Protein backbone atom coordinates (compact mmCIF):
# COMPACT_ATOMS: atom_id res chain seq x y z
CA UNK A 1 -9.17 28.32 -33.48
CA UNK A 2 -8.22 31.18 -31.19
CA UNK A 3 -4.98 33.14 -31.39
CA UNK A 4 -3.73 31.36 -28.27
CA UNK A 5 -4.14 27.98 -29.96
CA UNK A 6 -2.22 29.17 -33.03
CA UNK A 7 0.57 30.43 -30.78
CA UNK A 8 0.60 27.08 -29.02
CA UNK A 9 0.92 25.29 -32.36
CA UNK A 10 3.78 27.59 -33.31
CA UNK A 11 5.59 26.92 -30.04
CA UNK A 12 5.22 23.18 -30.42
CA UNK A 13 6.32 23.23 -34.06
CA UNK A 14 8.97 25.95 -33.94
CA UNK A 15 11.62 23.46 -35.09
CA UNK A 16 9.59 22.62 -38.19
CA UNK A 17 9.07 26.29 -39.02
CA UNK A 18 12.75 27.14 -38.60
CA UNK A 19 13.76 24.11 -40.68
CA UNK A 20 11.40 25.19 -43.47
CA UNK A 21 12.79 28.73 -43.44
CA UNK A 22 16.41 27.57 -43.48
CA UNK A 23 15.71 25.07 -46.26
CA UNK A 24 13.98 27.69 -48.41
CA UNK A 25 16.81 30.19 -47.84
CA UNK A 26 19.37 27.53 -48.76
CA UNK A 27 17.49 26.69 -51.96
CA UNK A 28 17.29 30.38 -52.85
CA UNK A 29 21.01 30.81 -52.19
CA UNK A 30 21.90 27.81 -54.35
CA UNK A 31 19.61 28.99 -57.13
CA UNK A 32 21.26 32.42 -57.00
CA UNK A 33 24.74 30.92 -57.17
CA UNK A 34 23.88 28.60 -60.07
CA UNK A 35 21.99 31.22 -62.09
CA UNK A 36 23.90 32.95 -64.89
CA UNK A 37 24.33 36.67 -64.19
CA UNK A 38 22.50 39.11 -66.44
CA UNK A 39 23.31 42.80 -66.95
CA UNK A 40 20.81 45.52 -67.75
CA UNK A 41 21.56 48.88 -69.42
CA UNK A 42 19.09 51.72 -69.86
CA UNK A 43 18.76 54.56 -72.40
CA UNK A 44 16.48 57.50 -71.64
CA UNK A 45 14.68 59.41 -74.39
CA UNK A 46 12.88 62.74 -74.52
CA UNK A 47 9.82 63.37 -76.71
CA UNK A 48 9.24 66.88 -77.96
CA UNK A 49 6.96 68.73 -80.41
CA UNK A 50 8.65 70.58 -83.24
CA UNK A 51 6.55 73.73 -82.97
CA UNK A 52 7.22 77.34 -82.04
CA UNK A 53 3.60 78.44 -81.66
CA UNK A 54 1.82 80.18 -78.84
CA UNK A 55 1.76 79.03 -75.22
CA UNK A 56 -1.64 77.40 -75.70
CA UNK A 57 -0.30 75.49 -78.70
CA UNK A 58 2.69 74.33 -76.68
CA UNK A 59 0.41 73.12 -73.87
CA UNK A 60 -1.72 71.22 -76.37
CA UNK A 61 1.43 69.77 -77.88
CA UNK A 62 2.69 68.68 -74.48
CA UNK A 63 -0.59 66.86 -73.82
CA UNK A 64 -0.37 65.28 -77.26
CA UNK A 65 3.20 64.16 -76.59
CA UNK A 66 2.37 62.53 -73.25
CA UNK A 67 -0.40 60.58 -74.95
CA UNK A 68 1.98 59.49 -77.68
CA UNK A 69 4.67 58.27 -75.27
CA UNK A 70 2.63 55.18 -74.36
CA UNK A 71 2.49 54.27 -78.03
CA UNK A 72 6.26 54.61 -78.34
CA UNK A 73 6.71 52.32 -75.32
CA UNK A 74 4.76 49.61 -77.13
CA UNK A 75 6.56 50.27 -80.41
CA UNK A 76 9.98 49.60 -78.82
CA UNK A 77 9.34 45.84 -78.79
CA UNK A 78 7.96 45.51 -82.32
CA UNK A 79 9.81 43.80 -85.18
CA UNK A 80 9.98 47.13 -87.00
CA UNK A 81 12.33 48.39 -84.30
CA UNK A 82 14.11 45.15 -83.38
CA UNK A 83 14.93 43.81 -86.84
CA UNK A 84 17.25 46.75 -87.66
CA UNK A 85 18.95 46.17 -84.29
CA UNK A 86 19.53 42.51 -85.16
CA UNK A 87 20.97 43.50 -88.51
CA UNK A 88 23.23 46.23 -87.13
CA UNK A 89 24.63 44.13 -84.26
CA UNK A 90 24.80 40.91 -86.24
CA UNK A 91 22.69 38.96 -83.80
CA UNK A 92 21.52 35.45 -84.57
CA UNK A 93 18.12 35.80 -82.99
CA UNK A 94 14.55 36.49 -84.04
CA UNK A 95 12.70 39.70 -83.17
CA UNK A 96 10.30 37.73 -81.00
CA UNK A 97 13.17 36.26 -78.97
CA UNK A 98 14.93 39.60 -78.72
CA UNK A 99 11.77 41.27 -77.41
CA UNK A 100 12.14 39.24 -74.18
CA UNK A 101 15.43 41.05 -73.52
CA UNK A 102 14.00 44.50 -74.15
CA UNK A 103 11.63 46.56 -72.05
CA UNK A 104 10.37 50.13 -72.19
CA UNK A 105 8.76 52.20 -69.45
CA UNK A 106 7.37 55.73 -69.36
CA UNK A 107 7.71 58.19 -66.50
CA UNK A 108 4.20 59.30 -65.42
CA UNK A 109 3.11 62.83 -66.39
CA UNK A 110 6.34 63.47 -68.31
CA UNK A 111 7.57 63.16 -71.88
CA UNK A 112 10.46 60.92 -70.81
CA UNK A 113 10.64 57.18 -71.30
CA UNK A 114 13.38 54.59 -70.96
CA UNK A 115 14.48 51.65 -73.06
CA UNK A 116 16.25 48.84 -71.17
CA UNK A 117 18.00 45.80 -72.55
CA UNK A 118 19.50 42.76 -70.82
CA UNK A 119 22.46 40.69 -71.95
CA UNK A 120 25.07 38.30 -70.62
CA UNK A 121 27.78 40.98 -70.43
CA UNK A 122 27.76 44.69 -69.47
CA UNK A 123 29.04 45.81 -72.89
CA UNK A 124 26.46 43.80 -74.81
CA UNK A 125 23.68 45.17 -72.62
CA UNK A 126 24.78 48.78 -73.25
CA UNK A 127 25.15 48.18 -77.00
CA UNK A 128 21.76 46.53 -77.26
CA UNK A 129 19.97 49.26 -75.29
CA UNK A 130 21.55 52.03 -77.35
CA UNK A 131 20.80 50.25 -80.61
CA UNK A 132 17.13 49.78 -79.71
CA UNK A 133 16.83 53.45 -78.73
CA UNK A 134 18.43 54.60 -81.99
CA UNK A 135 16.21 52.29 -84.03
CA UNK A 136 13.13 53.54 -82.16
CA UNK A 137 14.03 57.17 -82.95
CA UNK A 138 14.24 56.31 -86.63
CA UNK A 139 11.07 54.25 -86.74
CA UNK A 140 8.97 56.81 -84.83
CA UNK A 141 10.25 59.61 -87.05
CA UNK A 142 9.25 57.64 -90.10
CA UNK A 143 5.84 56.73 -88.77
CA UNK A 144 4.94 60.21 -87.57
CA UNK A 145 6.32 61.77 -90.78
CA UNK A 146 4.27 59.46 -92.97
CA UNK A 147 1.15 60.41 -91.02
CA UNK A 148 1.85 64.15 -91.49
CA UNK A 149 2.79 64.06 -95.16
CA UNK A 150 6.52 63.72 -94.67
CA UNK A 151 7.26 66.12 -91.81
CA UNK A 152 7.12 64.59 -88.32
CA UNK A 153 5.83 66.98 -85.64
CA UNK A 154 7.39 64.72 -82.95
CA UNK A 155 11.06 64.43 -82.19
CA UNK A 156 12.70 61.74 -80.05
CA UNK A 157 16.04 62.62 -78.53
CA UNK A 158 18.41 60.51 -76.41
CA UNK A 159 19.05 62.42 -73.18
CA UNK A 160 20.83 59.62 -71.24
CA UNK A 161 22.90 57.25 -73.36
CA UNK A 162 23.32 53.66 -72.22
CA UNK A 163 26.40 52.79 -70.16
CA UNK A 164 27.85 49.44 -69.24
CA UNK A 165 26.48 48.46 -65.78
CA UNK A 166 28.98 47.76 -63.03
CA UNK A 167 26.95 45.01 -61.37
CA UNK A 168 24.57 42.38 -62.68
CA UNK A 169 20.86 43.05 -62.39
CA UNK A 170 20.10 39.40 -61.76
CA UNK A 171 20.19 37.28 -59.82
CA UNK A 172 19.28 39.63 -56.97
CA UNK A 173 20.72 37.60 -54.09
CA UNK A 174 19.25 39.68 -51.28
CA UNK A 175 15.81 39.69 -52.83
CA UNK A 176 15.98 35.95 -53.50
CA UNK A 177 17.03 35.21 -49.92
CA UNK A 178 14.25 37.39 -48.52
CA UNK A 179 11.71 35.75 -50.81
CA UNK A 180 13.01 32.31 -49.83
CA UNK A 181 12.71 33.14 -46.13
CA UNK A 182 9.14 34.36 -46.62
CA UNK A 183 8.14 31.31 -48.64
CA UNK A 184 9.80 29.01 -46.09
CA UNK A 185 7.98 30.75 -43.23
CA UNK A 186 4.63 30.34 -44.98
CA UNK A 187 5.34 26.69 -45.75
CA UNK A 188 6.47 26.05 -42.17
CA UNK A 189 3.40 27.69 -40.67
CA UNK A 190 1.09 25.84 -43.06
CA UNK A 191 2.84 22.57 -42.24
CA UNK A 192 2.60 23.20 -38.49
CA UNK A 193 -1.11 23.96 -38.69
CA UNK A 194 -1.73 20.97 -40.94
CA UNK A 195 0.20 18.66 -38.63
CA UNK A 196 -1.72 19.95 -35.63
CA UNK A 197 -4.99 19.44 -37.48
CA UNK A 198 -4.23 15.88 -38.60
CA UNK A 199 -2.19 14.88 -35.52
CA UNK A 200 -4.79 13.50 -33.11
CA UNK A 201 -2.36 12.61 -30.32
CA UNK A 202 -3.11 13.92 -26.84
CA UNK A 203 -0.36 16.35 -25.87
CA UNK A 204 -1.67 18.92 -23.41
CA UNK A 205 -4.50 19.48 -20.97
CA UNK A 206 -6.35 21.50 -23.61
CA UNK A 207 -6.44 18.39 -25.82
CA UNK A 208 -8.02 16.43 -22.96
CA UNK A 209 -10.57 19.15 -22.32
CA UNK A 210 -11.84 18.77 -25.89
CA UNK A 211 -12.86 15.20 -25.04
CA UNK A 212 -13.87 15.10 -21.38
CA UNK A 213 -14.45 17.31 -18.37
CA UNK A 214 -13.16 14.71 -15.92
CA UNK A 215 -10.82 16.34 -13.36
CA UNK A 216 -7.10 16.36 -14.02
CA UNK A 217 -5.46 15.11 -10.82
CA UNK A 218 -2.02 16.23 -11.93
CA UNK A 219 0.68 16.08 -14.55
CA UNK A 220 4.02 14.32 -14.44
CA UNK A 221 6.74 15.84 -16.57
CA UNK A 222 9.02 13.74 -18.74
CA UNK A 223 12.22 12.70 -16.98
CA UNK A 224 14.93 11.04 -19.02
CA UNK A 225 16.27 9.37 -15.86
CA UNK A 226 12.91 7.78 -14.99
CA UNK A 227 13.76 4.59 -16.90
CA UNK A 228 16.70 3.86 -14.61
CA UNK A 229 15.21 5.48 -11.47
CA UNK A 230 11.41 5.18 -11.72
CA UNK A 231 10.58 5.62 -8.02
CA UNK A 232 10.15 8.93 -6.24
CA UNK A 233 12.30 7.53 -3.42
CA UNK A 234 15.20 7.48 -5.87
CA UNK A 235 15.08 11.25 -6.43
CA UNK A 236 15.35 14.17 -3.99
CA UNK A 237 12.26 14.57 -1.81
CA UNK A 238 11.41 18.00 -3.22
CA UNK A 239 12.16 17.25 -6.85
CA UNK A 240 9.55 18.10 -9.50
CA UNK A 241 8.76 14.42 -10.02
CA UNK A 242 8.15 13.75 -6.32
CA UNK A 243 6.12 16.94 -5.98
CA UNK A 244 3.92 15.87 -8.90
CA UNK A 245 2.89 12.69 -7.11
CA UNK A 246 2.24 14.56 -3.88
CA UNK A 247 -0.07 16.86 -5.80
CA UNK A 248 -1.85 13.85 -7.34
CA UNK A 249 -2.14 12.30 -3.87
CA UNK A 250 -3.77 15.46 -2.49
CA UNK A 251 -6.20 15.82 -5.39
CA UNK A 252 -7.07 12.12 -5.21
CA UNK A 253 -7.89 12.49 -1.53
CA UNK A 254 -10.57 15.07 -2.32
CA UNK A 255 -11.83 13.16 -5.37
CA UNK A 256 -12.13 9.94 -3.35
CA UNK A 257 -13.49 11.44 -0.13
CA UNK A 258 -17.17 10.65 -0.73
CA UNK A 259 -16.64 7.06 -1.94
CA UNK A 260 -17.50 4.10 0.26
CA UNK A 261 -14.81 1.89 -1.21
CA UNK A 262 -11.17 2.81 -0.60
CA UNK A 263 -9.76 0.92 -3.58
CA UNK A 264 -8.35 2.76 -6.59
CA UNK A 265 -7.70 1.20 -9.98
CA UNK A 266 -4.89 2.72 -12.05
CA UNK A 267 -4.99 1.97 -15.75
CA UNK A 268 -4.34 3.48 -19.19
CA UNK A 269 -5.54 3.16 -22.75
CA UNK A 270 -2.40 1.61 -24.23
CA UNK A 271 0.88 0.11 -23.02
CA UNK A 272 3.75 2.51 -22.52
CA UNK A 273 1.80 5.39 -20.96
CA UNK A 274 3.38 4.91 -17.54
CA UNK A 275 0.49 3.46 -15.52
CA UNK A 276 2.64 1.03 -13.51
CA UNK A 277 5.14 3.65 -12.39
CA UNK A 278 2.24 6.00 -11.64
CA UNK A 279 0.48 3.37 -9.50
CA UNK A 280 3.70 2.49 -7.67
CA UNK A 281 4.69 6.07 -6.91
CA UNK A 282 1.15 6.99 -5.95
CA UNK A 283 1.13 4.13 -3.41
CA UNK A 284 4.49 5.30 -2.04
CA UNK A 285 3.24 8.89 -1.77
CA UNK A 286 0.11 7.74 0.08
CA UNK A 287 2.19 5.67 2.48
CA UNK A 288 4.50 8.62 3.11
CA UNK A 289 1.43 10.62 4.17
CA UNK A 290 0.79 8.12 6.98
CA UNK A 291 -1.81 5.88 5.34
CA UNK A 292 -1.75 2.11 5.46
CA UNK A 293 -1.49 1.23 1.79
CA UNK A 294 -1.43 -2.00 -0.17
CA UNK A 295 -0.26 -2.00 -3.78
CA UNK A 296 -1.71 -4.81 -5.90
CA UNK A 297 -0.14 -5.75 -9.21
CA UNK A 298 -3.20 -6.89 -11.16
CA UNK A 299 -1.54 -6.53 -14.54
CA UNK A 300 -1.42 -10.24 -15.21
CA UNK A 301 -0.21 -9.70 -18.79
CA UNK A 302 2.97 -7.72 -18.19
CA UNK A 303 3.57 -7.31 -14.44
CA UNK A 304 6.26 -4.75 -13.62
CA UNK A 305 5.85 -3.69 -10.00
CA UNK A 306 8.09 -6.46 -8.65
CA UNK A 307 10.90 -5.18 -10.92
CA UNK A 308 10.48 -1.59 -9.76
CA UNK A 309 10.44 -2.50 -6.07
CA UNK A 310 12.86 -5.42 -6.14
CA UNK A 311 10.37 -7.96 -4.77
CA UNK A 312 9.63 -11.63 -5.31
CA UNK A 313 6.96 -12.42 -7.92
CA UNK A 314 6.75 -16.18 -7.88
CA UNK A 315 3.92 -16.03 -5.32
CA UNK A 316 1.35 -13.26 -5.39
CA UNK A 317 -2.13 -12.36 -6.59
CA UNK A 318 -2.66 -15.41 -8.78
CA UNK A 319 -1.47 -17.64 -5.93
CA UNK A 320 -4.20 -16.23 -3.68
CA UNK A 321 -6.89 -16.38 -6.37
CA UNK A 322 -6.36 -20.08 -7.05
CA UNK A 323 -6.41 -20.79 -3.30
CA UNK A 324 -2.82 -21.95 -2.85
CA UNK A 325 -2.13 -19.42 -0.07
CA UNK A 326 -3.90 -16.75 1.93
CA UNK A 327 -3.37 -13.19 0.80
CA UNK A 328 -2.00 -12.16 4.21
CA UNK A 329 0.91 -14.56 3.74
CA UNK A 330 1.68 -13.14 0.30
CA UNK A 331 1.96 -9.45 1.21
CA UNK A 332 5.49 -8.09 1.14
CA UNK A 333 6.35 -4.97 3.17
CA UNK A 334 8.38 -2.32 1.41
CA UNK A 335 10.22 0.78 2.51
CA UNK A 336 10.00 2.58 5.82
CA UNK A 337 6.30 3.44 5.69
CA UNK A 338 3.07 1.48 5.92
CA UNK A 339 3.28 0.10 2.41
CA UNK A 340 2.63 -3.53 1.55
CA UNK A 341 2.81 -5.02 -1.93
CA UNK A 342 0.94 -7.93 -3.47
CA UNK A 343 2.87 -8.87 -6.59
CA UNK A 344 1.24 -10.50 -9.59
CA UNK A 345 2.44 -14.03 -9.07
CA UNK A 346 2.78 -16.48 -11.93
CA UNK A 347 1.17 -15.31 -15.19
CA UNK A 348 -2.02 -17.37 -15.77
CA UNK A 349 -3.53 -18.41 -19.11
CA UNK A 350 -6.90 -16.84 -18.16
CA UNK A 351 -6.28 -13.41 -16.55
CA UNK A 352 -9.75 -12.00 -17.25
CA UNK A 353 -11.53 -14.97 -15.70
CA UNK A 354 -9.39 -14.82 -12.56
CA UNK A 355 -9.85 -11.08 -12.12
CA UNK A 356 -13.60 -11.36 -12.58
CA UNK A 357 -13.99 -14.32 -10.24
CA UNK A 358 -15.73 -14.24 -6.82
CA UNK A 359 -12.34 -14.91 -5.21
CA UNK A 360 -11.04 -11.60 -6.57
CA UNK A 361 -14.03 -9.77 -5.14
CA UNK A 362 -13.50 -11.37 -1.72
CA UNK A 363 -9.79 -10.57 -1.85
CA UNK A 364 -10.48 -6.90 -2.55
CA UNK A 365 -13.06 -6.72 0.25
CA UNK A 366 -10.53 -8.22 2.64
CA UNK A 367 -7.82 -5.75 1.63
CA UNK A 368 -10.22 -2.79 1.82
CA UNK A 369 -11.12 -3.71 5.38
CA UNK A 370 -7.47 -4.03 6.37
CA UNK A 371 -5.91 -0.99 4.70
CA UNK A 372 -6.68 2.68 4.36
CA UNK A 373 -6.11 2.61 0.59
CA UNK A 374 -5.84 -0.18 -1.96
CA UNK A 375 -3.99 0.85 -5.13
CA UNK A 376 -4.41 -1.59 -8.02
CA UNK A 377 -2.25 -1.55 -11.14
CA UNK A 378 -4.24 -3.07 -14.00
CA UNK A 379 -3.65 -3.85 -17.67
CA UNK A 380 -4.32 -1.25 -20.38
CA UNK A 381 -8.00 -1.00 -21.31
CA UNK A 382 -7.97 -1.17 -25.08
CA UNK A 383 -5.88 -4.29 -25.77
CA UNK A 384 -7.58 -6.53 -23.15
CA UNK A 385 -10.69 -6.55 -20.95
CA UNK A 386 -8.93 -7.11 -17.60
CA UNK A 387 -9.26 -3.50 -16.44
CA UNK A 388 -12.90 -3.29 -17.47
CA UNK A 389 -13.61 -6.35 -15.32
CA UNK A 390 -11.78 -4.89 -12.33
CA UNK A 391 -13.28 -1.43 -12.75
CA UNK A 392 -16.65 -2.80 -11.67
CA UNK A 393 -15.28 -3.99 -8.32
CA UNK A 394 -13.30 -0.95 -7.12
CA UNK A 395 -14.22 2.42 -5.67
CA UNK A 396 -12.87 4.42 -8.57
CA UNK A 397 -10.51 4.53 -11.51
CA UNK A 398 -7.54 6.77 -12.24
CA UNK A 399 -6.76 6.93 -15.95
CA UNK A 400 -3.15 7.63 -16.93
CA UNK A 401 -2.73 9.44 -20.26
CA UNK A 402 0.71 9.47 -21.84
CA UNK A 403 1.45 12.71 -23.66
CA UNK A 404 2.05 11.98 -27.36
CA UNK A 405 1.26 8.30 -26.69
CA UNK A 406 -2.49 8.05 -27.15
CA UNK A 407 -4.75 9.50 -29.84
CA UNK A 408 -8.03 11.29 -29.42
CA UNK A 409 -10.09 8.39 -30.77
CA UNK A 410 -8.34 5.93 -28.45
CA UNK A 411 -8.97 8.07 -25.38
CA UNK A 412 -12.62 8.46 -26.36
CA UNK A 413 -12.89 4.70 -26.74
CA UNK A 414 -11.33 4.18 -23.31
CA UNK A 415 -13.71 6.60 -21.62
CA UNK A 416 -16.63 4.91 -23.35
CA UNK A 417 -15.47 1.49 -22.16
CA UNK A 418 -15.28 2.73 -18.55
CA UNK A 419 -18.70 4.30 -18.87
CA UNK A 420 -20.21 1.06 -20.17
CA UNK A 421 -19.08 -0.82 -17.04
CA UNK A 422 -20.34 2.05 -14.86
CA UNK A 423 -16.86 2.81 -13.55
CA UNK A 424 -16.40 5.91 -11.41
CA UNK A 425 -13.52 7.84 -12.96
CA UNK A 426 -11.88 9.72 -10.10
CA UNK A 427 -9.62 11.70 -12.41
CA UNK A 428 -6.94 11.74 -15.05
CA UNK A 429 -3.16 11.88 -14.79
CA UNK A 430 -1.25 13.39 -17.71
CA UNK A 431 2.11 11.65 -17.88
CA UNK A 432 5.29 12.29 -19.88
CA UNK A 433 4.52 15.99 -20.16
CA UNK A 434 7.38 17.98 -21.76
CA UNK A 435 9.32 20.23 -19.39
CA UNK A 436 9.23 23.10 -21.89
CA UNK A 437 6.55 24.37 -24.22
CA UNK A 438 2.86 25.29 -24.01
CA UNK A 439 1.84 22.12 -22.17
CA UNK A 440 4.72 22.04 -19.69
CA UNK A 441 4.35 21.77 -15.96
CA UNK A 442 7.19 22.71 -13.67
CA UNK A 443 8.18 23.28 -10.07
CA UNK A 444 11.53 24.97 -10.41
CA UNK A 445 11.58 26.38 -6.89
CA UNK A 446 11.04 22.92 -5.42
CA UNK A 447 14.20 21.73 -7.13
CA UNK A 448 16.11 24.55 -5.51
CA UNK A 449 14.74 23.77 -2.07
CA UNK A 450 15.55 20.10 -2.52
CA UNK A 451 19.15 20.84 -3.36
CA UNK A 452 19.54 23.12 -0.36
CA UNK A 453 17.92 20.56 1.95
CA UNK A 454 20.31 17.84 0.86
CA UNK A 455 23.30 20.10 1.24
CA UNK A 456 22.26 20.72 4.86
CA UNK A 457 22.60 16.99 5.62
CA UNK A 458 25.93 15.31 6.40
CA UNK A 459 27.44 13.74 3.32
CA UNK A 460 27.42 10.24 4.77
CA UNK A 461 23.72 10.56 5.55
CA UNK A 462 22.92 11.64 2.01
CA UNK A 463 24.72 8.62 0.57
CA UNK A 464 22.93 6.20 2.89
CA UNK A 465 19.60 7.81 2.10
CA UNK A 466 20.07 7.43 -1.64
CA UNK A 467 21.18 3.81 -1.35
CA UNK A 468 18.38 2.69 0.99
CA UNK A 469 15.50 4.84 -0.27
CA UNK A 470 14.13 2.09 -2.51
CA UNK A 471 15.51 -0.95 -0.69
CA UNK A 472 12.75 -3.37 0.43
CA UNK A 473 12.76 -4.44 4.02
CA UNK A 474 13.07 -8.05 5.05
CA UNK A 475 9.60 -9.45 5.48
CA UNK A 476 10.59 -12.10 8.02
CA UNK A 477 11.92 -9.42 10.36
CA UNK A 478 9.05 -6.99 9.97
CA UNK A 479 5.97 -9.03 9.18
CA UNK A 480 4.58 -9.12 12.70
CA UNK A 481 5.30 -5.50 13.52
CA UNK A 482 3.98 -4.19 10.19
CA UNK A 483 0.94 -6.42 9.66
CA UNK A 484 -2.36 -4.61 10.38
CA UNK A 485 -4.14 -5.65 13.54
CA UNK A 486 -7.24 -7.01 11.90
CA UNK A 487 -5.40 -9.43 9.59
CA UNK A 488 -6.08 -12.31 11.95
CA UNK A 489 -9.67 -11.18 12.43
CA UNK A 490 -10.41 -11.04 8.73
CA UNK A 491 -8.69 -14.17 7.49
CA UNK A 492 -11.07 -16.34 5.53
């Protein structure tokens, strides 16, 4: 992984990292509050040589003393020193247990060393430290004297007596909080990297690029109002959502320029990735650009286009495929542009057979000869084979990928399925992209222009525009004026 990828992971998982840090700090704070305070007192001793010889002898003695200090540090925790302390203070504890409360340290290159003792109260800590120091003076004097035939050449003197500490030495709240924050940060970062490693969901364009080099036609950011207002005619003309579909329309024009067939299949890997709204808005955007467009709802499992556009579904694609009516009589005009819609019709028991039938091929050829662009909304690829059947009969396929909806393995399986049927993938559309973060797409200045443009219109006009933007026109009034010229010439 590169540094940029790690930064991207951190940006996507910043909430996890912060939560881990706060949790660890809270645990450290609670542990500090619940821990019993301990006090530490220190006694400092000086080691000297009892000699009044020459300067060279004093230097040798100083070197000897510094070497001996390390031995005295070790001796401070021995039973020979601690047992007299237990007896003098009347403690009910063993020397081994008391040694855990005592520590001794030497100052480098000096003849000074310190004896520290910890206890539950300041007074007990001072008493214990002083008692250990006094016992150590006695024991060392005895040991050194025995080695020299009764006269010890070394003398230990207390230079800084122990005093009762004013504040406890533990718990160290600040240190605990800092350590908790550091541990929480490490845990959060490790968790974020682990989640990114094991999370195989497609989230950004970089995730797509790891799987395929197919062109990305555009990205549609997540809009919480899209559920209630899915059409681009229900939002300001220069809003980010509308601009996204205009960008996809432009890129699709170049991707589809060299194809003989003018039909485009819009599908996805799984349900819920937004293929139907993408197909519908793409058809609207194409019609707004002046093209004659027909939108076909070929999702015979869960048709949704009639709900989005407010059209009749009782007669539609399945009606034409079974020969009950001609397709020209089933097209419903919509909006103020050259957009016609062929709804799904009644849901059949055999969708795959109908979509793969010769009648479906003839119907598509008829629509392709009558319209500039045929946009087909099909079922998801992985659950059923309907889209794979249709993909063989159209000029190209647009694959909608829902951010955080589909996994890497599922997208790979979808691309493989399209490749097996020799489908021409025109491009990919990344849907439900977050508005903030490393994978975000935005058009903030378009939103500003849209607001200013609406403010320039009279208020009554703005209200009428919003109410009628997605209202279907009456087919009986417009059928003759809106029907392409060659309908009558191409009727079968």
